[in-house]
Amino acid sequence: MRSRAPLRGRLEVTLIMSYPPGTSQRKGYIWRVVNPAVWELARFILPLLQGVVFVSDGQIAKLTITKVDGDAKPLTVITIRALVE
């Protein structure tokens, strides 16, 4: 956000978190069932954005969180859009 003021108004936030297959998947399980859980990831990331990207996390009107299998290192893609009033 390089020297821009934090966003104001209602926001839509999308978090897509990609993780490499865990040891549980290598053993034949269907899904990575160990931590981190999606709500723990959001609870970690959103306060870091507060005051920098947006004024308060209370502005978030829509939050979508997705955790997917990835091929390499863990990666988080954050998309923030202002909702038209």
C-alpha atoms as a PDB file:
ATOM      1  CA  MET A   1       0.000   0.000   0.000  1.00  0.00           C
ATOM      2  CA  ARG A   2       3.102   2.248  -0.164  1.00  0.00           C
ATOM      3  CA  SER A   3       2.200   5.469   1.654  1.00  0.00           C
ATOM      4  CA  ARG A   4      -1.518   5.155   0.891  1.00  0.00           C
ATOM      5  CA  ALA A   5      -4.072   5.634   3.615  1.00  0.00           C
ATOM      6  CA  PRO A   6      -5.824   2.476   4.880  1.00  0.00           C
ATOM      7  CA  LEU A   7      -9.064   1.575   3.100  1.00  0.00           C
ATOM      8  CA  ARG A   8     -12.347   2.705   4.648  1.00  0.00           C
ATOM      9  CA  GLY A   9     -15.844   1.338   4.198  1.00  0.00           C
ATOM     10  CA  ARG A  10     -17.140  -2.207   3.811  1.00  0.00           C
ATOM     11  CA  LEU A  11     -14.681  -4.750   2.425  1.00  0.00           C
ATOM     12  CA  GLU A  12     -14.603  -8.222   0.933  1.00  0.00           C
ATOM     13  CA  VAL A  13     -11.496 -10.213   1.878  1.00  0.00           C
ATOM     14  CA  THR A  14     -10.446 -13.476   0.236  1.00  0.00           C
ATOM     15  CA  LEU A  15      -7.611 -15.595   1.649  1.00  0.00           C
ATOM     16  CA  ILE A  16      -6.299 -18.540  -0.374  1.00  0.00           C
ATOM     17  CA  MET A  17      -3.696 -20.545   1.496  1.00  0.00           C
ATOM     18  CA  SER A  18      -1.671 -23.165  -0.316  1.00  0.00           C
ATOM     19  CA  TYR A  19       0.285 -25.794   1.604  1.00  0.00           C
ATOM     20  CA  PRO A  20       2.465 -28.636   0.336  1.00  0.00           C
ATOM     21  CA  PRO A  21       1.121 -32.103   1.056  1.00  0.00           C
ATOM     22  CA  GLY A  22       1.685 -33.032   4.690  1.00  0.00           C
ATOM     23  CA  THR A  23       2.946 -36.318   6.013  1.00  0.00           C
ATOM     24  CA  SER A  24      -0.642 -37.457   6.500  1.00  0.00           C
ATOM     25  CA  GLN A  25      -1.219 -37.229   2.728  1.00  0.00           C
ATOM     26  CA  ARG A  26       1.925 -39.168   1.937  1.00  0.00           C
ATOM     27  CA  LYS A  27       0.504 -41.986   4.030  1.00  0.00           C
ATOM     28  CA  GLY A  28      -2.611 -42.095   1.862  1.00  0.00           C
ATOM     29  CA  TYR A  29      -5.054 -39.933   3.800  1.00  0.00           C
ATOM     30  CA  ILE A  30      -7.469 -37.848   1.770  1.00  0.00           C
ATOM     31  CA  TRP A  31      -6.882 -34.407   3.338  1.00  0.00           C
ATOM     32  CA  ARG A  32      -4.377 -32.648   5.527  1.00  0.00           C
ATOM     33  CA  VAL A  33      -6.125 -32.874   8.887  1.00  0.00           C
ATOM     34  CA  VAL A  34      -3.454 -31.302  11.049  1.00  0.00           C
ATOM     35  CA  ASN A  35      -3.029 -27.631  11.917  1.00  0.00           C
ATOM     36  CA  PRO A  36      -3.118 -24.942  10.764  1.00  0.00           C
ATOM     37  CA  ALA A  37      -6.882 -24.670  10.614  1.00  0.00           C
ATOM     38  CA  VAL A  38      -8.311 -21.983   8.326  1.00  0.00           C
ATOM     39  CA  TRP A  39      -9.717 -19.875  11.168  1.00  0.00           C
ATOM     40  CA  GLU A  40      -6.336 -19.915  12.926  1.00  0.00           C
ATOM     41  CA  LEU A  41      -4.688 -18.653   9.749  1.00  0.00           C
ATOM     42  CA  ALA A  42      -7.244 -15.851   9.355  1.00  0.00           C
ATOM     43  CA  ARG A  43      -6.909 -14.936  13.033  1.00  0.00           C
ATOM     44  CA  PHE A  44      -3.155 -14.560  12.469  1.00  0.00           C
ATOM     45  CA  ILE A  45      -3.256 -12.655   9.145  1.00  0.00           C
ATOM     46  CA  LEU A  46      -6.129 -10.174   9.582  1.00  0.00           C
ATOM     47  CA  PRO A  47      -4.708  -8.300  12.610  1.00  0.00           C
ATOM     48  CA  LEU A  48      -1.455  -7.805  10.684  1.00  0.00           C
ATOM     49  CA  LEU A  49      -3.363  -5.992   7.924  1.00  0.00           C
ATOM     50  CA  GLN A  50      -5.324  -3.803  10.336  1.00  0.00           C
ATOM     51  CA  GLY A  51      -4.103  -0.211  10.326  1.00  0.00           C
ATOM     52  CA  VAL A  52      -1.992  -0.841   7.208  1.00  0.00           C
ATOM     53  CA  VAL A  53      -4.417  -2.024   4.516  1.00  0.00           C
ATOM     54  CA  PHE A  54      -7.718  -1.254   6.252  1.00  0.00           C
ATOM     55  CA  VAL A  55      -8.653   0.719   9.350  1.00  0.00           C
ATOM     56  CA  SER A  56     -10.333  -2.066  11.324  1.00  0.00           C
ATOM     57  CA  ASP A  57     -11.192  -5.720  10.775  1.00  0.00           C
ATOM     58  CA  GLY A  58     -14.766  -4.708  11.646  1.00  0.00           C
ATOM     59  CA  GLN A  59     -14.978  -3.348   8.079  1.00  0.00           C
ATOM     60  CA  ILE A  60     -14.912  -6.868   6.654  1.00  0.00           C
ATOM     61  CA  ALA A  61     -18.429  -7.665   5.458  1.00  0.00           C
ATOM     62  CA  LYS A  62     -17.509 -10.797   3.513  1.00  0.00           C
ATOM     63  CA  LEU A  63     -14.642 -13.161   4.302  1.00  0.00           C
ATOM     64  CA  THR A  64     -13.762 -16.197   2.194  1.00  0.00           C
ATOM     65  CA  ILE A  65     -11.006 -18.550   3.359  1.00  0.00           C
ATOM     66  CA  THR A  66      -9.725 -21.475   1.293  1.00  0.00           C
ATOM     67  CA  LYS A  67      -6.924 -23.915   2.142  1.00  0.00           C
ATOM     68  CA  VAL A  68      -5.626 -25.954  -0.817  1.00  0.00           C
ATOM     69  CA  ASP A  69      -2.832 -28.410  -1.534  1.00  0.00           C
ATOM     70  CA  GLY A  70       0.205 -26.847  -3.180  1.00  0.00           C
ATOM     71  CA  ASP A  71       3.382 -28.152  -4.750  1.00  0.00           C
ATOM     72  CA  ALA A  72       6.061 -25.996  -3.168  1.00  0.00           C
ATOM     73  CA  LYS A  73       6.440 -23.788  -0.116  1.00  0.00           C
ATOM     74  CA  PRO A  74       3.373 -22.473   1.725  1.00  0.00           C
ATOM     75  CA  LEU A  75       1.806 -19.466  -0.009  1.00  0.00           C
ATOM     76  CA  THR A  76      -1.001 -17.083   0.954  1.00  0.00           C
ATOM     77  CA  VAL A  77      -2.816 -14.945  -1.612  1.00  0.00           C
ATOM     78  CA  ILE A  78      -4.829 -12.060  -0.142  1.00  0.00           C
ATOM     79  CA  THR A  79      -7.443 -10.192  -2.195  1.00  0.00           C
ATOM     80  CA  ILE A  80      -9.226  -7.166  -0.755  1.00  0.00           C
ATOM     81  CA  ARG A  81     -12.060  -5.385  -2.558  1.00  0.00           C
ATOM     82  CA  ALA A  82     -14.184  -2.450  -1.501  1.00  0.00           C
ATOM     83  CA  LEU A  83     -17.905  -3.222  -1.533  1.00  0.00           C
ATOM     84  CA  VAL A  84     -19.982  -0.593  -3.300  1.00  0.00           C
ATOM     85  CA  GLU A  85     -22.550   0.969  -1.022  1.00  0.00           C
END
